[in-house]
N, C-alpha and C. Protein backbone atom coordinates (compact mmCIF):
# COMPACT_ATOMS: atom_id res chain seq x y z
N MET A 1 0.65 -1.13 0.04
CA MET A 1 -0.13 0.07 0.33
C MET A 1 0.69 1.25 0.23
N ASN A 2 0.17 2.56 -0.72
CA ASN A 2 1.06 3.53 -0.55
C ASN A 2 0.07 4.87 0.16
N LEU A 3 1.02 5.18 1.05
CA LEU A 3 0.56 6.12 2.05
C LEU A 3 0.85 7.27 1.64
N GLU A 4 0.14 8.08 1.25
CA GLU A 4 0.18 9.84 1.51
C GLU A 4 -0.09 11.09 2.65
N LEU A 5 0.76 12.08 3.07
CA LEU A 5 0.18 12.58 3.87
C LEU A 5 0.10 13.61 3.38
N ILE A 6 -1.04 14.80 3.55
CA ILE A 6 -1.29 15.87 2.36
C ILE A 6 -1.53 17.16 3.54
N VAL A 7 -0.91 17.82 3.49
CA VAL A 7 -1.19 19.06 4.65
C VAL A 7 -0.78 20.35 3.50
N ILE A 8 -1.55 21.50 3.99
CA ILE A 8 -2.14 22.47 3.52
C ILE A 8 -0.79 23.54 4.36
N GLY A 9 0.08 24.30 2.88
CA GLY A 9 1.05 25.00 3.45
C GLY A 9 2.08 24.61 4.68
N LYS A 10 3.26 25.18 4.02
CA LYS A 10 4.56 24.60 4.13
C LYS A 10 4.35 25.18 6.17
N THR A 11 5.72 24.63 6.57
CA THR A 11 5.84 24.99 8.15
C THR A 11 6.70 25.88 8.29
N ASP A 12 6.89 26.73 9.02
CA ASP A 12 8.06 28.13 9.14
C ASP A 12 8.52 27.34 10.46
N SER A 13 8.67 26.24 10.80
CA SER A 13 9.89 25.63 11.99
C SER A 13 10.22 24.51 11.20
N LYS A 14 11.99 24.82 11.14
CA LYS A 14 13.02 23.96 10.53
C LYS A 14 12.64 22.69 11.62
N GLU A 15 12.61 22.83 13.08
CA GLU A 15 12.54 21.77 13.84
C GLU A 15 11.51 20.70 13.60
N VAL A 16 10.08 20.94 13.15
CA VAL A 16 8.72 20.12 13.05
C VAL A 16 9.52 19.99 11.73
N GLU A 17 10.13 20.29 10.66
CA GLU A 17 10.01 20.27 9.29
C GLU A 17 11.50 18.94 9.35
N THR A 18 12.19 19.01 10.32
CA THR A 18 13.17 17.79 10.89
C THR A 18 12.52 17.17 11.15
N LEU A 19 11.82 17.13 11.82
CA LEU A 19 11.01 15.76 13.13
C LEU A 19 10.48 15.00 11.70
N VAL A 20 9.64 15.90 11.13
CA VAL A 20 8.52 14.86 10.06
C VAL A 20 9.27 14.43 9.03
N ALA A 21 10.46 14.99 8.54
CA ALA A 21 11.26 14.00 7.66
C ALA A 21 12.08 12.98 8.85
N THR A 22 11.93 12.91 9.90
CA THR A 22 12.77 11.82 9.96
C THR A 22 11.80 10.67 10.08
N TYR A 23 10.78 10.77 10.54
CA TYR A 23 9.33 10.03 10.65
C TYR A 23 9.17 9.29 9.11
N ALA A 24 8.91 10.55 8.48
CA ALA A 24 8.91 10.15 7.10
C ALA A 24 9.91 8.71 6.49
N LYS A 25 11.17 9.03 6.58
CA LYS A 25 12.25 8.32 6.62
C LYS A 25 11.82 6.85 6.86
N ARG A 26 11.54 6.81 8.32
CA ARG A 26 11.52 5.80 8.74
C ARG A 26 10.32 5.18 8.68
N ILE A 27 9.78 5.59 7.97
CA ILE A 27 8.02 5.10 7.66
C ILE A 27 8.23 4.47 6.38
N ASN A 28 9.03 5.24 5.32
CA ASN A 28 9.38 4.46 4.70
C ASN A 28 10.09 3.06 4.20
N HIS A 29 10.78 2.60 5.42
CA HIS A 29 10.93 1.30 5.56
C HIS A 29 9.94 0.83 5.60
N TYR A 30 8.95 0.96 5.61
CA TYR A 30 7.86 -0.14 5.49
C TYR A 30 6.70 0.09 4.39
N CYS A 31 6.44 0.78 4.31
CA CYS A 31 5.62 1.35 2.80
C CYS A 31 6.28 2.23 2.27
N ARG A 32 5.69 2.70 1.49
CA ARG A 32 6.29 3.68 -0.06
C ARG A 32 4.99 4.96 0.66
N PHE A 33 5.42 6.10 1.42
CA PHE A 33 5.12 7.19 2.43
C PHE A 33 5.67 8.61 1.44
N ALA A 34 5.22 9.41 1.41
CA ALA A 34 5.02 10.55 0.50
C ALA A 34 4.39 11.60 1.23
N ILE A 35 4.99 12.72 1.38
CA ILE A 35 4.12 13.69 2.29
C ILE A 35 3.73 15.05 0.78
N THR A 36 2.92 15.27 0.50
CA THR A 36 2.42 16.16 -0.62
C THR A 36 2.12 18.07 0.25
N THR A 37 2.80 19.22 0.09
CA THR A 37 2.43 20.01 0.91
C THR A 37 2.06 20.85 -0.30
N LEU A 38 0.24 21.33 -0.19
CA LEU A 38 -0.63 22.03 -1.07
C LEU A 38 0.02 24.11 -0.12
N PRO A 39 0.00 24.54 -1.20
CA PRO A 39 -0.12 26.05 -1.36
C PRO A 39 -1.09 26.21 -0.37
N ASP A 40 -0.40 27.22 0.29
CA ASP A 40 -1.43 28.06 1.56
C ASP A 40 -2.44 28.67 0.21
N ILE A 41 -3.51 28.92 0.61
CA ILE A 41 -4.35 30.36 -0.14
C ILE A 41 -3.85 31.42 0.21
N ARG A 42 -3.65 32.37 -0.93
CA ARG A 42 -3.42 33.45 -1.19
C ARG A 42 -4.49 34.48 -1.11
N ASN A 43 -4.16 35.62 0.10
CA ASN A 43 -5.16 36.45 0.09
C ASN A 43 -6.27 35.81 0.82
N THR A 44 -6.22 35.76 2.36
CA THR A 44 -7.28 35.09 3.04
C THR A 44 -7.61 35.99 3.75
N LYS A 45 -7.06 37.10 3.80
CA LYS A 45 -7.72 38.34 4.72
C LYS A 45 -8.67 38.41 3.76
N SER A 46 -9.10 38.67 2.71
CA SER A 46 -10.37 39.05 2.07
C SER A 46 -11.71 37.56 1.90
N LEU A 47 -11.41 36.72 2.73
CA LEU A 47 -12.06 35.75 2.13
C LEU A 47 -12.59 35.21 3.73
N THR A 48 -14.12 34.44 4.10
CA THR A 48 -14.58 34.21 4.96
C THR A 48 -13.93 32.78 5.11
N ALA A 49 -14.30 32.07 6.41
CA ALA A 49 -13.82 30.74 6.44
C ALA A 49 -14.22 29.73 5.96
N LYS A 50 -15.32 29.89 5.55
CA LYS A 50 -16.20 29.58 4.22
C LYS A 50 -15.71 28.92 2.54
N GLN A 51 -15.39 30.70 2.22
CA GLN A 51 -14.59 30.34 1.10
C GLN A 51 -13.07 29.87 1.35
N GLN A 52 -12.23 30.20 2.83
CA GLN A 52 -11.16 29.90 2.63
C GLN A 52 -11.21 28.09 2.33
N ARG A 53 -12.13 27.63 3.23
CA ARG A 53 -12.29 25.91 3.12
C ARG A 53 -12.36 25.12 2.17
N THR A 54 -13.48 26.42 1.07
CA THR A 54 -13.62 26.00 -0.24
C THR A 54 -12.55 25.90 -1.06
N ALA A 55 -11.82 27.03 -0.70
CA ALA A 55 -10.60 27.29 -1.59
C ALA A 55 -9.47 25.94 -1.67
N GLU A 56 -9.27 25.72 -0.26
CA GLU A 56 -8.46 24.24 0.05
C GLU A 56 -8.87 23.05 -0.50
N GLY A 57 -10.69 22.94 -0.24
CA GLY A 57 -10.87 22.01 -0.96
C GLY A 57 -11.15 21.36 -2.19
N GLU A 58 -10.99 22.45 -2.96
CA GLU A 58 -10.83 22.35 -4.53
C GLU A 58 -9.59 21.66 -4.90
N ASN A 59 -8.57 22.08 -3.86
CA ASN A 59 -6.74 21.80 -4.03
C ASN A 59 -7.15 19.95 -3.38
N ILE A 60 -7.52 20.06 -2.37
CA ILE A 60 -6.99 19.21 -2.09
C ILE A 60 -8.03 17.95 -2.99
N LEU A 61 -9.51 17.83 -3.37
CA LEU A 61 -10.19 17.01 -4.03
C LEU A 61 -9.36 16.65 -5.20
N ARG A 62 -8.45 17.70 -6.23
CA ARG A 62 -7.48 17.42 -7.41
C ARG A 62 -6.64 16.68 -6.47
N GLN A 63 -6.40 16.23 -5.54
CA GLN A 63 -4.98 14.83 -5.41
C GLN A 63 -5.55 13.93 -5.96
N PHE A 64 -6.45 13.27 -5.55
CA PHE A 64 -7.31 11.52 -5.42
C PHE A 64 -7.07 11.45 -6.91
N SER A 65 -7.12 10.00 -7.02
CA SER A 65 -7.67 9.48 -7.80
C SER A 65 -8.63 8.15 -7.41
N ASP A 66 -9.12 7.49 -8.57
CA ASP A 66 -10.26 6.79 -8.96
C ASP A 66 -9.95 5.58 -7.62
N GLY A 67 -10.67 5.07 -6.24
CA GLY A 67 -10.19 4.19 -5.58
C GLY A 67 -8.97 4.61 -4.11
N ASP A 68 -8.71 5.92 -4.10
CA ASP A 68 -8.46 6.15 -3.29
C ASP A 68 -9.05 5.80 -2.12
N TYR A 69 -8.22 5.42 -0.56
CA TYR A 69 -8.84 5.29 0.57
C TYR A 69 -8.56 6.52 1.23
N VAL A 70 -9.91 7.71 1.79
CA VAL A 70 -9.39 9.42 2.09
C VAL A 70 -9.85 9.53 3.28
N VAL A 71 -8.50 9.55 4.15
CA VAL A 71 -8.33 9.86 5.90
C VAL A 71 -8.53 11.15 6.16
N LEU A 72 -9.43 11.51 6.65
CA LEU A 72 -9.31 12.93 7.36
C LEU A 72 -8.94 13.46 8.71
N LEU A 73 -8.14 14.02 9.16
CA LEU A 73 -7.76 14.64 10.93
C LEU A 73 -8.57 15.25 10.92
N ASP A 74 -9.47 14.93 11.76
CA ASP A 74 -10.67 16.19 11.87
C ASP A 74 -11.02 15.93 13.28
N GLU A 75 -11.33 17.14 14.15
CA GLU A 75 -11.36 16.94 15.10
C GLU A 75 -12.84 16.30 16.19
N ARG A 76 -13.35 15.89 14.92
CA ARG A 76 -14.54 15.14 15.06
C ARG A 76 -14.93 13.36 14.50
N GLY A 77 -13.60 13.37 14.18
CA GLY A 77 -13.22 11.96 14.09
C GLY A 77 -13.07 10.79 14.71
N ASP A 78 -12.91 9.61 14.68
CA ASP A 78 -12.67 8.35 15.68
C ASP A 78 -11.16 9.10 16.48
N GLU A 79 -11.25 8.51 17.78
CA GLU A 79 -9.76 8.56 18.75
C GLU A 79 -9.52 7.20 18.48
N TYR A 80 -8.10 6.59 18.84
CA TYR A 80 -7.57 5.02 19.02
C TYR A 80 -6.49 5.64 19.90
N ARG A 81 -6.41 4.57 20.27
CA ARG A 81 -5.12 4.41 21.31
C ARG A 81 -3.88 3.78 20.18
N SER A 82 -3.00 4.18 20.44
CA SER A 82 -1.65 4.11 18.96
C SER A 82 -1.86 2.52 18.97
N VAL A 83 -2.25 1.56 19.58
CA VAL A 83 -2.36 -0.24 19.71
C VAL A 83 -3.59 -0.57 18.26
N ASP A 84 -4.20 0.47 18.67
CA ASP A 84 -6.08 0.11 18.64
C ASP A 84 -5.26 1.15 17.07
N PHE A 85 -5.01 2.35 16.46
CA PHE A 85 -5.08 2.75 15.38
C PHE A 85 -3.94 1.90 14.61
N ALA A 86 -2.92 1.53 15.45
CA ALA A 86 -1.96 0.04 14.40
C ALA A 86 -2.89 -0.97 13.34
N TYR A 87 -3.78 -1.58 14.46
CA TYR A 87 -4.75 -2.38 13.85
C TYR A 87 -5.58 -1.90 12.80
N TRP A 88 -6.28 -0.91 13.19
CA TRP A 88 -6.91 -0.06 12.14
C TRP A 88 -6.31 -0.05 11.09
N LEU A 89 -5.00 0.88 10.79
CA LEU A 89 -4.20 0.45 10.06
C LEU A 89 -3.47 -0.71 8.87
N GLN A 90 -3.69 -1.68 10.02
CA GLN A 90 -3.37 -3.01 9.63
C GLN A 90 -4.39 -3.61 8.65
N LYS A 91 -5.86 -3.23 8.99
CA LYS A 91 -6.96 -3.93 8.45
C LYS A 91 -7.00 -3.12 7.00
N ARG A 92 -7.10 -1.88 6.80
CA ARG A 92 -7.05 -1.31 5.78
C ARG A 92 -5.83 -1.90 4.83
N MET A 93 -4.87 -2.01 5.19
CA MET A 93 -3.91 -2.78 4.55
C MET A 93 -3.90 -3.89 3.64
N ALA A 94 -5.08 -4.86 4.58
CA ALA A 94 -4.87 -5.84 4.15
C ALA A 94 -6.42 -6.30 3.26
N SER A 95 -7.11 -5.14 3.92
CA SER A 95 -7.54 -5.08 2.61
C SER A 95 -8.10 -4.60 0.92
N GLY A 96 -7.10 -4.38 0.48
CA GLY A 96 -6.64 -4.37 -0.79
C GLY A 96 -5.97 -3.29 -0.97
N ILE A 97 -5.99 -2.02 -0.25
CA ILE A 97 -6.63 -0.72 -0.60
C ILE A 97 -4.97 -0.44 -1.05
N ARG A 98 -4.71 0.23 -2.69
CA ARG A 98 -3.42 0.64 -2.85
C ARG A 98 -3.05 1.93 -2.47
N ARG A 99 -4.04 3.35 -1.92
CA ARG A 99 -3.12 4.15 -2.20
C ARG A 99 -4.26 4.79 -0.67
N MET A 100 -3.46 5.18 0.03
CA MET A 100 -4.15 5.52 1.64
C MET A 100 -3.85 7.04 1.32
N VAL A 101 -4.52 8.00 1.49
CA VAL A 101 -4.19 9.41 1.64
C VAL A 101 -4.91 9.93 3.02
N MET A 102 -4.41 10.31 3.53
CA MET A 102 -4.72 11.21 5.10
C MET A 102 -4.23 12.89 4.48
N ILE A 103 -4.87 13.34 5.51
CA ILE A 103 -5.78 14.63 5.06
C ILE A 103 -5.10 15.81 6.53
N ILE A 104 -4.15 15.75 6.54
CA ILE A 104 -4.15 17.20 7.40
C ILE A 104 -4.07 18.70 6.38
N GLY A 105 -6.03 19.12 7.42
CA GLY A 105 -7.04 20.27 6.73
C GLY A 105 -6.06 21.79 6.94
N GLY A 106 -6.65 22.74 6.39
CA GLY A 106 -6.30 24.12 6.93
C GLY A 106 -6.89 24.13 8.23
N PRO A 107 -6.51 25.27 8.75
CA PRO A 107 -6.74 26.67 9.99
C PRO A 107 -8.48 26.12 10.31
N TYR A 108 -9.09 26.34 8.89
CA TYR A 108 -10.41 26.28 8.91
C TYR A 108 -11.30 24.52 9.02
N GLY A 109 -10.46 23.89 9.25
CA GLY A 109 -11.11 22.62 9.27
C GLY A 109 -11.07 22.25 7.16
N PHE A 110 -12.36 21.30 6.47
CA PHE A 110 -12.30 20.97 5.01
C PHE A 110 -14.11 21.39 4.80
N SER A 111 -13.78 21.22 3.34
CA SER A 111 -15.10 22.06 2.96
C SER A 111 -16.28 20.71 2.89
N GLU A 112 -17.34 20.93 2.71
CA GLU A 112 -18.45 19.69 2.71
C GLU A 112 -18.18 18.86 1.76
N GLU A 113 -17.66 19.58 0.33
CA GLU A 113 -17.22 18.65 -0.25
C GLU A 113 -15.96 17.44 -0.21
N VAL A 114 -15.14 17.54 0.64
CA VAL A 114 -14.09 17.12 0.80
C VAL A 114 -14.86 16.11 1.79
N TYR A 115 -15.29 16.59 2.81
CA TYR A 115 -16.24 15.60 3.77
C TYR A 115 -17.08 14.55 3.14
N ARG A 116 -17.49 14.89 2.59
CA ARG A 116 -17.96 13.67 1.23
C ARG A 116 -17.78 12.70 0.78
N ARG A 117 -16.53 13.29 0.54
CA ARG A 117 -15.13 12.06 -0.35
C ARG A 117 -14.40 11.53 1.03
N ALA A 118 -14.69 11.78 1.76
CA ALA A 118 -13.61 10.79 2.64
C ALA A 118 -14.52 10.06 3.29
N ASP A 119 -13.61 8.64 3.39
CA ASP A 119 -14.09 7.13 3.96
C ASP A 119 -13.39 7.14 5.56
N ALA A 120 -12.97 8.61 6.15
CA ALA A 120 -12.61 7.57 7.73
C ALA A 120 -12.24 9.23 7.59
N LYS A 121 -12.67 9.48 9.12
CA LYS A 121 -12.60 10.48 9.97
C LYS A 121 -11.40 10.22 11.27
N ILE A 122 -10.17 11.05 11.61
CA ILE A 122 -9.31 10.37 13.21
C ILE A 122 -9.22 11.45 13.85
N SER A 123 -9.15 11.87 14.59
CA SER A 123 -8.78 12.43 15.53
C SER A 123 -7.88 12.41 16.53
N LEU A 124 -6.95 12.72 16.73
CA LEU A 124 -5.70 12.40 17.52
C LEU A 124 -6.26 12.85 18.75
N SER A 125 -7.12 13.97 19.32
CA SER A 125 -6.73 14.67 20.72
C SER A 125 -8.37 15.52 20.72
N LYS A 126 -8.77 15.32 21.65
CA LYS A 126 -9.79 16.86 21.81
C LYS A 126 -9.29 17.67 22.05
N MET A 127 -8.07 17.99 22.36
CA MET A 127 -6.90 19.14 22.58
C MET A 127 -7.06 19.92 21.16
N THR A 128 -6.59 20.82 20.89
CA THR A 128 -6.27 21.77 19.43
C THR A 128 -5.10 21.24 19.71
N PHE A 129 -4.62 21.16 18.22
CA PHE A 129 -2.90 20.98 18.08
C PHE A 129 -2.82 22.21 17.00
N SER A 130 -1.44 22.91 17.02
CA SER A 130 -1.90 23.74 15.56
C SER A 130 -1.25 22.60 14.72
N HIS A 131 -1.56 23.24 13.37
CA HIS A 131 -1.51 22.15 11.75
C HIS A 131 0.05 22.35 11.50
N GLN A 132 0.93 23.31 12.15
CA GLN A 132 2.13 22.47 12.11
C GLN A 132 2.96 21.49 13.21
N ILE A 133 2.63 21.52 14.41
CA ILE A 133 2.55 20.08 14.68
C ILE A 133 2.18 19.25 15.32
N VAL A 134 1.15 19.29 14.25
CA VAL A 134 0.44 18.04 14.19
C VAL A 134 0.88 17.01 13.08
N ARG A 135 1.39 17.60 12.40
CA ARG A 135 2.46 17.06 11.34
C ARG A 135 3.90 16.07 11.91
N ALA A 136 4.36 16.63 12.94
CA ALA A 136 4.86 15.53 13.86
C ALA A 136 4.05 14.71 13.97
N ILE A 137 3.43 14.60 14.72
CA ILE A 137 2.95 14.09 16.12
C ILE A 137 2.02 12.73 15.18
N PHE A 138 1.19 13.58 14.05
CA PHE A 138 0.45 12.20 13.59
C PHE A 138 1.53 11.07 12.71
N ALA A 139 2.81 12.08 11.80
CA ALA A 139 4.20 11.22 11.07
C ALA A 139 4.42 10.17 12.51
N GLU A 140 4.58 10.64 13.39
CA GLU A 140 5.28 9.92 14.37
C GLU A 140 3.79 8.26 14.92
N GLN A 141 2.90 8.91 15.17
CA GLN A 141 2.17 8.10 15.19
C GLN A 141 1.73 7.03 14.19
N ILE A 142 2.61 7.67 12.89
CA ILE A 142 2.50 6.32 11.61
C ILE A 142 3.89 5.56 12.19
N TYR A 143 4.48 5.71 12.29
CA TYR A 143 5.50 5.34 12.56
C TYR A 143 5.76 4.48 13.47
N ARG A 144 4.43 4.69 14.83
CA ARG A 144 4.90 3.74 15.93
C ARG A 144 3.74 2.79 15.20
N ALA A 145 2.47 2.93 14.85
CA ALA A 145 1.67 1.77 14.06
C ALA A 145 2.44 0.89 13.67
N PHE A 146 3.51 1.73 13.10
CA PHE A 146 4.38 0.56 12.16
C PHE A 146 5.42 -0.76 12.74
N THR A 147 5.87 0.25 14.03
CA THR A 147 6.84 -1.34 14.72
C THR A 147 5.77 -1.67 15.32
N ILE A 148 4.28 -0.75 15.87
CA ILE A 148 3.97 -2.34 16.70
C ILE A 148 3.34 -3.48 15.85
N LEU A 149 2.93 -3.13 14.63
CA LEU A 149 2.40 -4.45 14.00
C LEU A 149 3.50 -5.39 13.27
N ASN A 150 4.89 -4.59 13.61
CA ASN A 150 6.17 -5.17 13.18
C ASN A 150 6.69 -6.01 14.78
N ASN A 151 6.03 -6.02 15.87
CA ASN A 151 6.81 -6.37 17.24
C ASN A 151 7.94 -5.29 17.22
N GLU A 152 8.79 -4.43 17.06
CA GLU A 152 9.21 -3.72 17.14
C GLU A 152 9.49 -3.24 18.45
N PRO A 153 10.90 -3.18 19.44
CA PRO A 153 10.76 -2.10 20.34
C PRO A 153 10.61 -0.76 20.83
N TYR A 154 9.71 -0.31 19.94
CA TYR A 154 9.74 0.94 20.27
C TYR A 154 8.34 1.56 21.11
N HIS A 155 7.58 0.83 20.76
CA HIS A 155 6.38 1.21 21.87
C HIS A 155 6.06 0.26 22.84
N HIS A 156 5.78 1.11 24.09
CA HIS A 156 5.86 0.43 25.61
C HIS A 156 4.26 0.48 25.82
N GLU A 157 3.94 -0.76 26.33
CA GLU A 157 2.85 -0.97 27.18
C GLU A 157 3.05 -1.85 28.03
């Protein structure tokens, strides 16, 4: 299975960028993993939150192919313990999905069109995190899931 993480906008933190790159490299030992950074929407000061979600949504929807399994990181999504997320991921890999696309949206969430296209929604926590730091947290959780599935000594429970 190919796994792709789509994010909106570049990070302005070298530390976050380095951490995400570290986990991306580790994840590639288990599956083909890529991160796609979509450009920030320009002139957002003149746009409402809904207009910004719609513009970002159009960019996001262009990234999908037929048959992609689309997962949104969303505050209203299902929450998992790390072990449960690993088994959730394993179940999807075993189902024959060729490409799973996971998306960290912009500051106002996703457009209705993106929600309709989604196959699943996952929440990392009930807490709110910056879109910058979520990249590192989620990349680490994907890596952790693969180490759990491979019985490697990274996760302690």
